[in-house]
Each structure stands twice: as C-alpha cells, then as structure tokens.
Amino acid sequence: MKRIAVFTSGGDAPGMNAAIRAVVRTATYHGIEVYGIMRGYSGMIKGEFVRLDSASVSNTVQKGGTILKSARSQKFMTKEGRQQAFDQLVNNGIEGLVAIGGNGTFTGAMIFEEEFGIPTVGAPGTIDNDLYGTDYTIGYDTAVNTALDCIDKIRDTADSHDRCFFVEVMGRDSGYIAIPCAIGGGAEIVMIPETQMSVDVVIDTLQAGWKRSKTSFIVIVAEGEDEGNATNTAARVKEAIPQLDTRVTVIGHIQRGGSPTAADRLLGSQIGIAAVEGLMNGMRNVMAGIVDKKLVYTPFIDTINKKKLINQSFMRMVEILSV
C-alpha cells in the first residue's frame, strides 16, 4: 500500500486531531503517502483531498475539534454518491482509508467497501462512548470532564439557593456520559435511556430526600432518556412537588469542544497508529479499539449491530451514594 487517506465524519470529538496526527506520522514512518479528506464523505464525493505530511499535523495534538472538518452527507447514502466518491479515490490513487467517527461513519464505510472494495479501518471517534469493540471512544473522557466541571458549578448555586437542578447532558442513545457525571458530581438521580426510569420514581426519590431535610438536588438527564428531556421532566416534578424550586440547565455542545484530556490524546494516538498498521496488514471493514488495555480489531458489522451494555453496578453506586 503506497497511498492512503484519512477523514473524520459525524459529530466532532476532542482527540480526533491526535488520531489524525498519528495516522499521518505512522504512514510517513512506514513510507506511505497520506491525504486528508476534508468534510468527510461530502468532501470525498467532491474531491476535497489535501496532501499531508509530518509538518501538516504539527501543533495539533492539543486542539479540539477536527482539522479535517466534518459534515453529514445525504448524497453518500445513495449509490450514485458512493460511485462519485469511489471515482475520486481512484483518480487520486487512494488504496485504503482510515475513517474516524461513529456508528454512521462505519455503516457508510462498510457499504462502500462491499460495493467498491476500498479497504477501510475505523477509529472510534465519538463522545458518546457507545461503540461496541472498545472500552473507550476518542473524545469521551474530555466530554465527561467538561460536563462534570459544569455540574460542579451548578452544585454551588443549587446549594446556595436550596434548588433542584435538572442537568441535561449529551447521550441520545446512551447513558455513558450521564453516569460518571452523576457519580462524580454527587447527583441524587440519573436518568438514562438504558434504564427507562419513570418520572414517578424521580418524584418519589426527591420527596424522600426532602423529608430527610435535603434542600438541594442534582438530577442528571441524558438527552435521549425515554421519559423526555430535562425541561419536560422538571415541569412534571414541579407540578407534583410545588414547594421545590426547580431549574434546568442544558449543557449542550460545549461537551464536544475544548482541548482533549491526556487520556483522549493517548487513545487517539494509539488508535491512529493501529488503524494505519491494520491497513498495512490487510485488514478491512474493522474498527481498531482498546479492550482490557489490549488492541483489538472488531468487524464493522459487530460494532454497528452489537449493543455496548451499561455496567449496572454504576447505577447502584448512584443509589447508594445519594442517601
């Protein structure tokens, strides 16, 4: 393999630049030319290719976001769009791809390889940490620490004014951000998609705390929680417990930004190296990940379809520590 390309797709995540840097420098180390594809699959279709070398990725490991930018492409979901992307890769002599992203990115890569035979190795870049085949995804540690810093500040004002704050964190399909934020932030309750906690349980828990003379509360709500978002939940609680002074804070996209933590820089670097060397060893349609501190390659089909389960002992921790 003489020439490869790397791209980021889907939501940005802190540590993506560390992975891009590792891909470029690993390829350079092994004598392989590497190109960056701007704006994911959209840029692949349009031919937005940029030659990268070691100097191109200097002073990037500490930067948030992605220097290659990201975009969602409806056109790549069509056979015509994928044909155009393939033609661009052929015209530029690209023999393999490193795809940094999440479930949607890998779904596109798997279909693309099946249709056109371009080998792809994935790097798990998503703050949600919901991909099967790796203990942690690039960006997750930073997102949790960013959210936790906000929750610490909210706790100060909740305590000062005897209020109950409903704090919404990201996690459309997963509670992986919400749970460590609840434990580390001293929350009384955490609501995540996996457990389907009813608002009635939340009301009962808050009322019990009120009877024990607790005057301030933090309720962490993952954005994909089945009972509704933090605003709806807070309104229903206020109706049931009118004496409770409730407030809502949606942390939002601040969780995606910022300089990556040491853990995300290290993980991005490990995975970037593994992705390039996986391509060199003939791997295709797999995601590089770390499981039990060991490098593993998981087929895209498993990463896409298998569910990464929440450790239920963490939910028990929230319950015990909120007493």
C-alpha atoms as a PDB file:
ATOM      1  CA  MET A   1       0.000   0.000   0.000  1.00  0.00           C
ATOM      2  CA  LYS A   2       1.544   3.261  -1.148  1.00  0.00           C
ATOM      3  CA  ARG A   3      -1.153   5.891  -0.591  1.00  0.00           C
ATOM      4  CA  ILE A   4      -3.965   6.158   1.943  1.00  0.00           C
ATOM      5  CA  ALA A   5      -6.432   8.820   3.065  1.00  0.00           C
ATOM      6  CA  VAL A   6      -7.893   9.788   6.430  1.00  0.00           C
ATOM      7  CA  PHE A   7     -11.164  11.586   7.165  1.00  0.00           C
ATOM      8  CA  THR A   8     -13.455  12.491  10.058  1.00  0.00           C
ATOM      9  CA  SER A   9     -17.205  12.121   9.844  1.00  0.00           C
ATOM     10  CA  GLY A  10     -20.253  12.707  12.020  1.00  0.00           C
ATOM     11  CA  GLY A  11     -20.014  14.641  15.277  1.00  0.00           C
ATOM     12  CA  ASP A  12     -16.630  16.085  16.198  1.00  0.00           C
ATOM     13  CA  ALA A  13     -14.856  14.814  19.316  1.00  0.00           C
ATOM     14  CA  PRO A  14     -11.807  16.049  21.269  1.00  0.00           C
ATOM     15  CA  GLY A  15      -8.852  13.841  20.392  1.00  0.00           C
ATOM     16  CA  MET A  16      -9.708  13.464  16.717  1.00  0.00           C
ATOM     17  CA  ASN A  17      -6.720  15.641  15.852  1.00  0.00           C
ATOM     18  CA  ALA A  18      -4.466  13.385  17.908  1.00  0.00           C
ATOM     19  CA  ALA A  19      -5.737  10.458  15.823  1.00  0.00           C
ATOM     20  CA  ILE A  20      -5.235  12.329  12.538  1.00  0.00           C
ATOM     21  CA  ARG A  21      -1.707  13.261  13.623  1.00  0.00           C
ATOM     22  CA  ALA A  22      -0.944   9.644  14.487  1.00  0.00           C
ATOM     23  CA  VAL A  23      -2.280   8.409  11.146  1.00  0.00           C
ATOM     24  CA  VAL A  24      -0.171  10.897   9.209  1.00  0.00           C
ATOM     25  CA  ARG A  25       3.030  10.273  11.127  1.00  0.00           C
ATOM     26  CA  THR A  26       2.601   6.488  11.170  1.00  0.00           C
ATOM     27  CA  ALA A  27       2.063   6.459   7.418  1.00  0.00           C
ATOM     28  CA  THR A  28       5.092   8.707   6.947  1.00  0.00           C
ATOM     29  CA  TYR A  29       7.151   6.450   9.220  1.00  0.00           C
ATOM     30  CA  HIS A  30       6.305   3.472   7.004  1.00  0.00           C
ATOM     31  CA  GLY A  31       6.899   5.324   3.731  1.00  0.00           C
ATOM     32  CA  ILE A  32       3.225   5.651   2.797  1.00  0.00           C
ATOM     33  CA  GLU A  33       1.768   8.837   1.306  1.00  0.00           C
ATOM     34  CA  VAL A  34      -1.259  10.139   3.155  1.00  0.00           C
ATOM     35  CA  TYR A  35      -4.014  12.521   2.156  1.00  0.00           C
ATOM     36  CA  GLY A  36      -6.641  14.194   4.280  1.00  0.00           C
ATOM     37  CA  ILE A  37     -10.213  14.310   3.002  1.00  0.00           C
ATOM     38  CA  MET A  38     -11.960  17.498   4.053  1.00  0.00           C
ATOM     39  CA  ARG A  39     -15.540  17.322   5.410  1.00  0.00           C
ATOM     40  CA  GLY A  40     -15.941  13.563   5.499  1.00  0.00           C
ATOM     41  CA  TYR A  41     -17.940  11.734   2.869  1.00  0.00           C
ATOM     42  CA  SER A  42     -19.139  15.018   1.409  1.00  0.00           C
ATOM     43  CA  GLY A  43     -15.554  16.030   0.670  1.00  0.00           C
ATOM     44  CA  MET A  44     -14.805  12.559  -0.682  1.00  0.00           C
ATOM     45  CA  ILE A  45     -17.560  12.992  -3.279  1.00  0.00           C
ATOM     46  CA  LYS A  46     -16.336  16.479  -4.199  1.00  0.00           C
ATOM     47  CA  GLY A  47     -12.655  15.515  -4.322  1.00  0.00           C
ATOM     48  CA  GLU A  48     -11.510  17.742  -1.438  1.00  0.00           C
ATOM     49  CA  PHE A  49      -8.169  15.997  -0.909  1.00  0.00           C
ATOM     50  CA  VAL A  50      -5.188  17.597   0.835  1.00  0.00           C
ATOM     51  CA  ARG A  51      -1.695  16.113   0.888  1.00  0.00           C
ATOM     52  CA  LEU A  52      -0.500  15.731   4.481  1.00  0.00           C
ATOM     53  CA  ASP A  53       2.967  15.257   5.884  1.00  0.00           C
ATOM     54  CA  SER A  54       4.557  15.370   9.309  1.00  0.00           C
ATOM     55  CA  ALA A  55       4.688  19.174   9.329  1.00  0.00           C
ATOM     56  CA  SER A  56       0.991  19.402   8.392  1.00  0.00           C
ATOM     57  CA  VAL A  57      -0.028  17.990  11.771  1.00  0.00           C
ATOM     58  CA  SER A  58       2.464  19.840  13.962  1.00  0.00           C
ATOM     59  CA  ASN A  59       0.903  21.650  16.932  1.00  0.00           C
ATOM     60  CA  THR A  60      -2.449  19.849  16.551  1.00  0.00           C
ATOM     61  CA  VAL A  61      -2.461  17.170  19.262  1.00  0.00           C
ATOM     62  CA  GLN A  62      -3.780  19.627  21.864  1.00  0.00           C
ATOM     63  CA  LYS A  63      -6.518  21.126  19.682  1.00  0.00           C
ATOM     64  CA  GLY A  64     -10.190  20.266  19.961  1.00  0.00           C
ATOM     65  CA  GLY A  65     -12.479  19.649  17.008  1.00  0.00           C
ATOM     66  CA  THR A  66     -11.036  18.268  13.786  1.00  0.00           C
ATOM     67  CA  ILE A  67      -8.621  19.987  11.420  1.00  0.00           C
ATOM     68  CA  LEU A  68     -10.183  17.990   8.561  1.00  0.00           C
ATOM     69  CA  LYS A  69     -13.642  19.315   9.486  1.00  0.00           C
ATOM     70  CA  SER A  70     -16.731  17.145   9.460  1.00  0.00           C
ATOM     71  CA  ALA A  71     -20.066  17.021   7.670  1.00  0.00           C
ATOM     72  CA  ARG A  72     -23.009  14.717   7.200  1.00  0.00           C
ATOM     73  CA  SER A  73     -23.629  13.641   3.607  1.00  0.00           C
ATOM     74  CA  GLN A  74     -27.064  12.623   2.364  1.00  0.00           C
ATOM     75  CA  LYS A  75     -25.591  12.092  -1.094  1.00  0.00           C
ATOM     76  CA  PHE A  76     -23.200   9.389   0.135  1.00  0.00           C
ATOM     77  CA  MET A  77     -26.247   7.385   1.200  1.00  0.00           C
ATOM     78  CA  THR A  78     -27.064   6.927  -2.500  1.00  0.00           C
ATOM     79  CA  LYS A  79     -25.327   4.546  -4.895  1.00  0.00           C
ATOM     80  CA  GLU A  80     -24.653   7.466  -7.235  1.00  0.00           C
ATOM     81  CA  GLY A  81     -22.911   9.424  -4.481  1.00  0.00           C
ATOM     82  CA  ARG A  82     -20.760   6.463  -3.482  1.00  0.00           C
ATOM     83  CA  GLN A  83     -19.796   5.929  -7.124  1.00  0.00           C
ATOM     84  CA  GLN A  84     -18.627   9.547  -7.318  1.00  0.00           C
ATOM     85  CA  ALA A  85     -16.630   9.091  -4.103  1.00  0.00           C
ATOM     86  CA  PHE A  86     -15.003   5.940  -5.477  1.00  0.00           C
ATOM     87  CA  ASP A  87     -14.079   7.706  -8.719  1.00  0.00           C
ATOM     88  CA  GLN A  88     -12.409  10.494  -6.735  1.00  0.00           C
ATOM     89  CA  LEU A  89     -10.399   7.971  -4.714  1.00  0.00           C
ATOM     90  CA  VAL A  90      -9.268   6.173  -7.877  1.00  0.00           C
ATOM     91  CA  ASN A  91      -8.311   9.466  -9.565  1.00  0.00           C
ATOM     92  CA  ASN A  92      -6.159  10.317  -6.549  1.00  0.00           C
ATOM     93  CA  GLY A  93      -4.578   6.869  -6.277  1.00  0.00           C
ATOM     94  CA  ILE A  94      -6.010   6.151  -2.805  1.00  0.00           C
ATOM     95  CA  GLU A  95      -5.655   2.473  -1.847  1.00  0.00           C
ATOM     96  CA  GLY A  96      -7.043   2.482   1.696  1.00  0.00           C
ATOM     97  CA  LEU A  97      -8.985   4.642   4.138  1.00  0.00           C
ATOM     98  CA  VAL A  98      -8.889   5.483   7.834  1.00  0.00           C
ATOM     99  CA  ALA A  99     -12.370   6.572   8.940  1.00  0.00           C
ATOM    100  CA  ILE A 100     -12.588   8.437  12.250  1.00  0.00           C
ATOM    101  CA  GLY A 101     -16.144   8.588  13.523  1.00  0.00           C
ATOM    102  CA  GLY A 102     -19.006   6.607  14.966  1.00  0.00           C
ATOM    103  CA  ASN A 103     -21.778   4.230  14.025  1.00  0.00           C
ATOM    104  CA  GLY A 104     -22.991   6.124  10.965  1.00  0.00           C
ATOM    105  CA  THR A 105     -19.460   6.604   9.669  1.00  0.00           C
ATOM    106  CA  PHE A 106     -18.728   2.881   9.902  1.00  0.00           C
ATOM    107  CA  THR A 107     -22.042   1.922   8.325  1.00  0.00           C
ATOM    108  CA  GLY A 108     -21.150   4.036   5.298  1.00  0.00           C
ATOM    109  CA  ALA A 109     -17.624   2.618   5.176  1.00  0.00           C
ATOM    110  CA  MET A 110     -18.870  -0.970   5.317  1.00  0.00           C
ATOM    111  CA  ILE A 111     -21.333  -0.488   2.457  1.00  0.00           C
ATOM    112  CA  PHE A 112     -18.690   1.390   0.458  1.00  0.00           C
ATOM    113  CA  GLU A 113     -16.138  -1.417   0.827  1.00  0.00           C
ATOM    114  CA  GLU A 114     -18.699  -4.065  -0.107  1.00  0.00           C
ATOM    115  CA  GLU A 115     -19.595  -2.184  -3.287  1.00  0.00           C
ATOM    116  CA  PHE A 116     -16.185  -0.945  -4.403  1.00  0.00           C
ATOM    117  CA  GLY A 117     -13.543  -2.881  -2.468  1.00  0.00           C
ATOM    118  CA  ILE A 118     -11.711   0.055  -0.888  1.00  0.00           C
ATOM    119  CA  PRO A 119     -10.354  -1.288   2.433  1.00  0.00           C
ATOM    120  CA  THR A 120     -11.193   0.800   5.488  1.00  0.00           C
ATOM    121  CA  VAL A 121     -10.100   0.653   9.117  1.00  0.00           C
ATOM    122  CA  GLY A 122     -12.136   2.699  11.562  1.00  0.00           C
ATOM    123  CA  ALA A 123     -11.102   4.735  14.598  1.00  0.00           C
ATOM    124  CA  PRO A 124     -13.856   5.236  17.212  1.00  0.00           C
ATOM    125  CA  GLY A 125     -14.330   8.996  17.458  1.00  0.00           C
ATOM    126  CA  THR A 126     -17.470   9.920  19.402  1.00  0.00           C
ATOM    127  CA  ILE A 127     -18.091  11.486  22.800  1.00  0.00           C
ATOM    128  CA  ASP A 128     -20.958   9.048  23.480  1.00  0.00           C
ATOM    129  CA  ASN A 129     -18.701   6.013  24.134  1.00  0.00           C
ATOM    130  CA  ASP A 130     -21.441   3.785  22.742  1.00  0.00           C
ATOM    131  CA  LEU A 131     -19.449   1.729  20.218  1.00  0.00           C
ATOM    132  CA  TYR A 132     -19.092  -1.999  20.745  1.00  0.00           C
ATOM    133  CA  GLY A 133     -15.479  -3.167  20.428  1.00  0.00           C
ATOM    134  CA  THR A 134     -13.677  -0.604  22.564  1.00  0.00           C
ATOM    135  CA  ASP A 135     -13.800   0.291  26.245  1.00  0.00           C
ATOM    136  CA  TYR A 136     -13.473   3.992  25.478  1.00  0.00           C
ATOM    137  CA  THR A 137     -14.011   6.128  22.404  1.00  0.00           C
ATOM    138  CA  ILE A 138     -11.957   9.161  21.388  1.00  0.00           C
ATOM    139  CA  GLY A 139     -13.477  12.269  22.967  1.00  0.00           C
ATOM    140  CA  TYR A 140     -15.432  10.564  25.735  1.00  0.00           C
ATOM    141  CA  ASP A 141     -13.080  11.362  28.611  1.00  0.00           C
ATOM    142  CA  THR A 142     -12.910  15.032  27.654  1.00  0.00           C
ATOM    143  CA  ALA A 143     -16.689  15.302  27.306  1.00  0.00           C
ATOM    144  CA  VAL A 144     -17.252  13.789  30.751  1.00  0.00           C
ATOM    145  CA  ASN A 145     -14.730  16.120  32.375  1.00  0.00           C
ATOM    146  CA  THR A 146     -16.215  19.150  30.604  1.00  0.00           C
ATOM    147  CA  ALA A 147     -19.725  18.251  31.746  1.00  0.00           C
ATOM    148  CA  LEU A 148     -18.531  17.481  35.263  1.00  0.00           C
ATOM    149  CA  ASP A 149     -16.867  20.882  35.544  1.00  0.00           C
ATOM    150  CA  CYS A 150     -20.206  22.500  34.661  1.00  0.00           C
ATOM    151  CA  ILE A 151     -22.074  20.314  37.164  1.00  0.00           C
ATOM    152  CA  ASP A 152     -19.664  21.295  39.951  1.00  0.00           C
ATOM    153  CA  LYS A 153     -20.510  24.928  39.315  1.00  0.00           C
ATOM    154  CA  ILE A 154     -24.230  24.188  39.185  1.00  0.00           C
ATOM    155  CA  ARG A 155     -23.957  22.366  42.521  1.00  0.00           C
ATOM    156  CA  ASP A 156     -22.587  25.537  44.122  1.00  0.00           C
ATOM    157  CA  THR A 157     -25.582  27.620  43.097  1.00  0.00           C
ATOM    158  CA  ALA A 158     -28.062  24.809  43.836  1.00  0.00           C
ATOM    159  CA  ASP A 159     -26.729  24.600  47.375  1.00  0.00           C
ATOM    160  CA  SER A 160     -26.682  28.378  47.844  1.00  0.00           C
ATOM    161  CA  HIS A 161     -30.344  28.772  46.858  1.00  0.00           C
ATOM    162  CA  ASP A 162     -31.788  25.419  48.011  1.00  0.00           C
ATOM    163  CA  ARG A 163     -32.740  24.475  44.473  1.00  0.00           C
ATOM    164  CA  CYS A 164     -33.203  21.329  42.438  1.00  0.00           C
ATOM    165  CA  PHE A 165     -31.333  21.453  39.135  1.00  0.00           C
ATOM    166  CA  PHE A 166     -32.150  19.177  36.227  1.00  0.00           C
ATOM    167  CA  VAL A 167     -28.963  18.993  34.158  1.00  0.00           C
ATOM    168  CA  GLU A 168     -29.191  17.600  30.637  1.00  0.00           C
ATOM    169  CA  VAL A 169     -26.047  16.025  29.192  1.00  0.00           C
ATOM    170  CA  MET A 170     -25.470  14.505  25.772  1.00  0.00           C
ATOM    171  CA  GLY A 171     -26.306  10.875  25.113  1.00  0.00           C
ATOM    172  CA  ARG A 172     -29.024  10.355  22.514  1.00  0.00           C
ATOM    173  CA  ASP A 173     -28.875   6.561  22.792  1.00  0.00           C
ATOM    174  CA  SER A 174     -26.542   6.028  25.723  1.00  0.00           C
ATOM    175  CA  GLY A 175     -26.034   6.992  29.344  1.00  0.00           C
ATOM    176  CA  TYR A 176     -22.265   6.685  29.257  1.00  0.00           C
ATOM    177  CA  ILE A 177     -21.757  10.419  29.808  1.00  0.00           C
ATOM    178  CA  ALA A 178     -24.571  10.771  32.323  1.00  0.00           C
ATOM    179  CA  ILE A 179     -23.492   8.033  34.734  1.00  0.00           C
ATOM    180  CA  PRO A 180     -19.928   9.190  35.551  1.00  0.00           C
ATOM    181  CA  CYS A 181     -21.248  12.758  35.749  1.00  0.00           C
ATOM    182  CA  ALA A 182     -23.836  11.626  38.287  1.00  0.00           C
ATOM    183  CA  ILE A 183     -21.319   9.721  40.403  1.00  0.00           C
ATOM    184  CA  GLY A 184     -18.538  12.300  40.153  1.00  0.00           C
ATOM    185  CA  GLY A 185     -20.923  15.244  40.532  1.00  0.00           C
ATOM    186  CA  GLY A 186     -22.738  13.854  43.560  1.00  0.00           C
ATOM    187  CA  ALA A 187     -26.129  13.750  41.826  1.00  0.00           C
ATOM    188  CA  GLU A 188     -29.122  12.316  43.594  1.00  0.00           C
ATOM    189  CA  ILE A 189     -30.660  10.802  40.457  1.00  0.00           C
ATOM    190  CA  VAL A 190     -29.559   9.872  36.937  1.00  0.00           C
ATOM    191  CA  MET A 191     -31.960   9.203  34.060  1.00  0.00           C
ATOM    192  CA  ILE A 192     -30.574   7.319  31.070  1.00  0.00           C
ATOM    193  CA  PRO A 193     -32.117   5.565  28.027  1.00  0.00           C
ATOM    194  CA  GLU A 194     -30.984   2.131  29.200  1.00  0.00           C
ATOM    195  CA  THR A 195     -32.943   2.064  32.473  1.00  0.00           C
ATOM    196  CA  GLN A 196     -36.193   3.806  31.488  1.00  0.00           C
ATOM    197  CA  MET A 197     -36.666   5.375  34.924  1.00  0.00           C
ATOM    198  CA  SER A 198     -40.122   6.867  35.278  1.00  0.00           C
ATOM    199  CA  VAL A 199     -40.716  10.432  36.423  1.00  0.00           C
ATOM    200  CA  ASP A 200     -42.800   8.965  39.253  1.00  0.00           C
ATOM    201  CA  VAL A 201     -39.647   7.331  40.647  1.00  0.00           C
ATOM    202  CA  VAL A 202     -37.834  10.665  40.383  1.00  0.00           C
ATOM    203  CA  ILE A 203     -40.659  12.374  42.260  1.00  0.00           C
ATOM    204  CA  ASP A 204     -40.645   9.720  44.993  1.00  0.00           C
ATOM    205  CA  THR A 205     -36.870   9.971  45.384  1.00  0.00           C
ATOM    206  CA  LEU A 206     -36.913  13.773  45.647  1.00  0.00           C
ATOM    207  CA  GLN A 207     -39.803  13.722  48.123  1.00  0.00           C
ATOM    208  CA  ALA A 208     -37.926  11.209  50.286  1.00  0.00           C
ATOM    209  CA  GLY A 209     -34.855  13.444  50.218  1.00  0.00           C
ATOM    210  CA  TRP A 210     -36.965  16.487  51.110  1.00  0.00           C
ATOM    211  CA  LYS A 211     -38.341  14.619  54.152  1.00  0.00           C
ATOM    212  CA  ARG A 212     -34.730  13.925  55.233  1.00  0.00           C
ATOM    213  CA  SER A 213     -34.177  17.711  55.209  1.00  0.00           C
ATOM    214  CA  LYS A 214     -32.216  17.761  51.959  1.00  0.00           C
ATOM    215  CA  THR A 215     -32.698  21.168  50.385  1.00  0.00           C
ATOM    216  CA  SER A 216     -30.718  20.975  47.146  1.00  0.00           C
ATOM    217  CA  PHE A 217     -30.643  18.293  44.470  1.00  0.00           C
ATOM    218  CA  ILE A 218     -28.964  17.500  41.172  1.00  0.00           C
ATOM    219  CA  VAL A 219     -30.766  15.294  38.641  1.00  0.00           C
ATOM    220  CA  ILE A 220     -28.710  14.257  35.616  1.00  0.00           C
ATOM    221  CA  VAL A 221     -30.764  13.561  32.484  1.00  0.00           C
ATOM    222  CA  ALA A 222     -29.314  12.032  29.313  1.00  0.00           C
ATOM    223  CA  GLU A 223     -30.798  13.795  26.281  1.00  0.00           C
ATOM    224  CA  GLY A 224     -32.183  10.528  24.873  1.00  0.00           C
ATOM    225  CA  GLU A 225     -33.981   9.495  28.066  1.00  0.00           C
ATOM    226  CA  ASP A 226     -37.348   7.918  27.226  1.00  0.00           C
ATOM    227  CA  GLU A 227     -39.364   9.966  29.726  1.00  0.00           C
ATOM    228  CA  GLY A 228     -38.365  13.182  27.978  1.00  0.00           C
ATOM    229  CA  ASN A 229     -35.709  15.858  28.195  1.00  0.00           C
ATOM    230  CA  ALA A 230     -34.687  17.771  31.315  1.00  0.00           C
ATOM    231  CA  THR A 231     -37.184  20.578  30.700  1.00  0.00           C
ATOM    232  CA  ASN A 232     -40.178  18.236  30.450  1.00  0.00           C
ATOM    233  CA  THR A 233     -39.042  16.207  33.449  1.00  0.00           C
ATOM    234  CA  ALA A 234     -38.551  19.321  35.572  1.00  0.00           C
ATOM    235  CA  ALA A 235     -42.040  20.581  34.687  1.00  0.00           C
ATOM    236  CA  ARG A 236     -43.658  17.319  35.763  1.00  0.00           C
ATOM    237  CA  VAL A 237     -41.684  17.261  39.013  1.00  0.00           C
ATOM    238  CA  LYS A 238     -42.625  20.880  39.762  1.00  0.00           C
ATOM    239  CA  GLU A 239     -46.293  20.042  39.292  1.00  0.00           C
ATOM    240  CA  ALA A 240     -46.017  17.152  41.764  1.00  0.00           C
ATOM    241  CA  ILE A 241     -43.788  18.977  44.290  1.00  0.00           C
ATOM    242  CA  PRO A 242     -44.671  22.669  44.018  1.00  0.00           C
ATOM    243  CA  GLN A 243     -42.539  23.614  47.033  1.00  0.00           C
ATOM    244  CA  LEU A 244     -39.417  22.516  45.164  1.00  0.00           C
ATOM    245  CA  ASP A 245     -37.540  25.388  43.479  1.00  0.00           C
ATOM    246  CA  THR A 246     -36.557  23.827  40.150  1.00  0.00           C
ATOM    247  CA  ARG A 247     -34.143  24.983  37.457  1.00  0.00           C
ATOM    248  CA  VAL A 248     -32.961  23.429  34.182  1.00  0.00           C
ATOM    249  CA  THR A 249     -29.512  23.581  32.610  1.00  0.00           C
ATOM    250  CA  VAL A 250     -28.770  22.038  29.201  1.00  0.00           C
ATOM    251  CA  ILE A 251     -25.002  21.726  28.870  1.00  0.00           C
ATOM    252  CA  GLY A 252     -25.259  21.052  25.136  1.00  0.00           C
ATOM    253  CA  HIS A 253     -22.492  21.237  22.555  1.00  0.00           C
ATOM    254  CA  ILE A 254     -19.917  22.622  24.962  1.00  0.00           C
ATOM    255  CA  GLN A 255     -19.308  18.919  25.676  1.00  0.00           C
ATOM    256  CA  ARG A 256     -17.930  18.448  22.157  1.00  0.00           C
ATOM    257  CA  GLY A 257     -15.356  21.213  22.320  1.00  0.00           C
ATOM    258  CA  GLY A 258     -12.201  22.044  24.178  1.00  0.00           C
ATOM    259  CA  SER A 259      -8.667  20.764  24.402  1.00  0.00           C
ATOM    260  CA  PRO A 260      -8.610  16.955  24.771  1.00  0.00           C
ATOM    261  CA  THR A 261      -7.549  15.396  28.056  1.00  0.00           C
ATOM    262  CA  ALA A 262      -4.350  13.379  28.343  1.00  0.00           C
ATOM    263  CA  ALA A 263      -6.448  10.199  28.128  1.00  0.00           C
ATOM    264  CA  ASP A 264      -8.014  11.233  24.809  1.00  0.00           C
ATOM    265  CA  ARG A 265      -4.680  12.330  23.343  1.00  0.00           C
ATOM    266  CA  LEU A 266      -3.178   8.965  24.259  1.00  0.00           C
ATOM    267  CA  LEU A 267      -6.165   6.979  22.963  1.00  0.00           C
ATOM    268  CA  GLY A 268      -6.300   8.938  19.711  1.00  0.00           C
ATOM    269  CA  SER A 269      -2.595   8.333  19.174  1.00  0.00           C
ATOM    270  CA  GLN A 270      -2.867   4.595  19.915  1.00  0.00           C
ATOM    271  CA  ILE A 271      -5.830   4.123  17.614  1.00  0.00           C
ATOM    272  CA  GLY A 272      -4.321   6.215  14.812  1.00  0.00           C
ATOM    273  CA  ILE A 273      -1.208   4.051  14.742  1.00  0.00           C
ATOM    274  CA  ALA A 274      -3.294   0.866  14.929  1.00  0.00           C
ATOM    275  CA  ALA A 275      -5.521   1.964  12.037  1.00  0.00           C
ATOM    276  CA  VAL A 276      -2.627   2.519   9.636  1.00  0.00           C
ATOM    277  CA  GLU A 277      -0.826  -0.662  10.613  1.00  0.00           C
ATOM    278  CA  GLY A 278      -4.110  -2.558  10.305  1.00  0.00           C
ATOM    279  CA  LEU A 279      -4.414  -1.409   6.686  1.00  0.00           C
ATOM    280  CA  MET A 280      -0.811  -2.417   6.070  1.00  0.00           C
ATOM    281  CA  ASN A 281      -1.595  -5.894   7.404  1.00  0.00           C
ATOM    282  CA  GLY A 282      -4.510  -6.369   5.039  1.00  0.00           C
ATOM    283  CA  MET A 283      -7.373  -5.605   7.415  1.00  0.00           C
ATOM    284  CA  ARG A 284     -10.608  -4.158   6.089  1.00  0.00           C
ATOM    285  CA  ASN A 285     -14.065  -3.343   7.417  1.00  0.00           C
ATOM    286  CA  VAL A 286     -12.841  -3.340  11.018  1.00  0.00           C
ATOM    287  CA  MET A 287     -12.591  -0.811  13.843  1.00  0.00           C
ATOM    288  CA  ALA A 288      -9.454  -0.521  15.955  1.00  0.00           C
ATOM    289  CA  GLY A 289     -10.197  -0.315  19.677  1.00  0.00           C
ATOM    290  CA  ILE A 290      -8.814  -0.936  23.150  1.00  0.00           C
ATOM    291  CA  VAL A 291     -10.450  -3.642  25.289  1.00  0.00           C
ATOM    292  CA  ASP A 292      -8.969  -4.558  28.674  1.00  0.00           C
ATOM    293  CA  LYS A 293      -5.926  -2.441  27.759  1.00  0.00           C
ATOM    294  CA  LYS A 294      -5.270  -4.544  24.654  1.00  0.00           C
ATOM    295  CA  LEU A 295      -5.543  -3.530  20.997  1.00  0.00           C
ATOM    296  CA  VAL A 296      -8.358  -5.329  19.178  1.00  0.00           C
ATOM    297  CA  TYR A 297      -9.930  -5.099  15.732  1.00  0.00           C
ATOM    298  CA  THR A 298     -13.711  -5.533  15.640  1.00  0.00           C
ATOM    299  CA  PRO A 299     -15.653  -6.078  12.389  1.00  0.00           C
ATOM    300  CA  PHE A 300     -17.815  -3.107  11.446  1.00  0.00           C
ATOM    301  CA  ILE A 301     -20.876  -5.353  11.396  1.00  0.00           C
ATOM    302  CA  ASP A 302     -20.395  -6.079  15.114  1.00  0.00           C
ATOM    303  CA  THR A 303     -19.565  -2.502  16.023  1.00  0.00           C
ATOM    304  CA  ILE A 304     -22.740  -1.345  14.280  1.00  0.00           C
ATOM    305  CA  ASN A 305     -25.165  -4.030  15.452  1.00  0.00           C
ATOM    306  CA  LYS A 306     -23.989  -5.183  18.878  1.00  0.00           C
ATOM    307  CA  LYS A 307     -25.039  -3.217  21.941  1.00  0.00           C
ATOM    308  CA  LYS A 308     -22.441  -1.936  24.381  1.00  0.00           C
ATOM    309  CA  LEU A 309     -24.058  -2.524  27.754  1.00  0.00           C
ATOM    310  CA  ILE A 310     -24.009  -0.165  30.721  1.00  0.00           C
ATOM    311  CA  ASN A 311     -22.393  -1.536  33.873  1.00  0.00           C
ATOM    312  CA  GLN A 312     -25.394  -1.833  36.186  1.00  0.00           C
ATOM    313  CA  SER A 313     -23.174  -1.603  39.260  1.00  0.00           C
ATOM    314  CA  PHE A 314     -22.741   2.092  38.425  1.00  0.00           C
ATOM    315  CA  MET A 315     -26.485   2.637  38.773  1.00  0.00           C
ATOM    316  CA  ARG A 316     -26.332   1.006  42.190  1.00  0.00           C
ATOM    317  CA  MET A 317     -23.481   3.347  43.099  1.00  0.00           C
ATOM    318  CA  VAL A 318     -25.656   6.368  42.311  1.00  0.00           C
ATOM    319  CA  GLU A 319     -28.416   4.982  44.520  1.00  0.00           C
ATOM    320  CA  ILE A 320     -26.112   4.233  47.473  1.00  0.00           C
ATOM    321  CA  LEU A 321     -24.156   7.477  47.285  1.00  0.00           C
ATOM    322  CA  SER A 322     -27.270   9.673  47.063  1.00  0.00           C
ATOM    323  CA  VAL A 323     -28.558   8.664  50.515  1.00  0.00           C
END
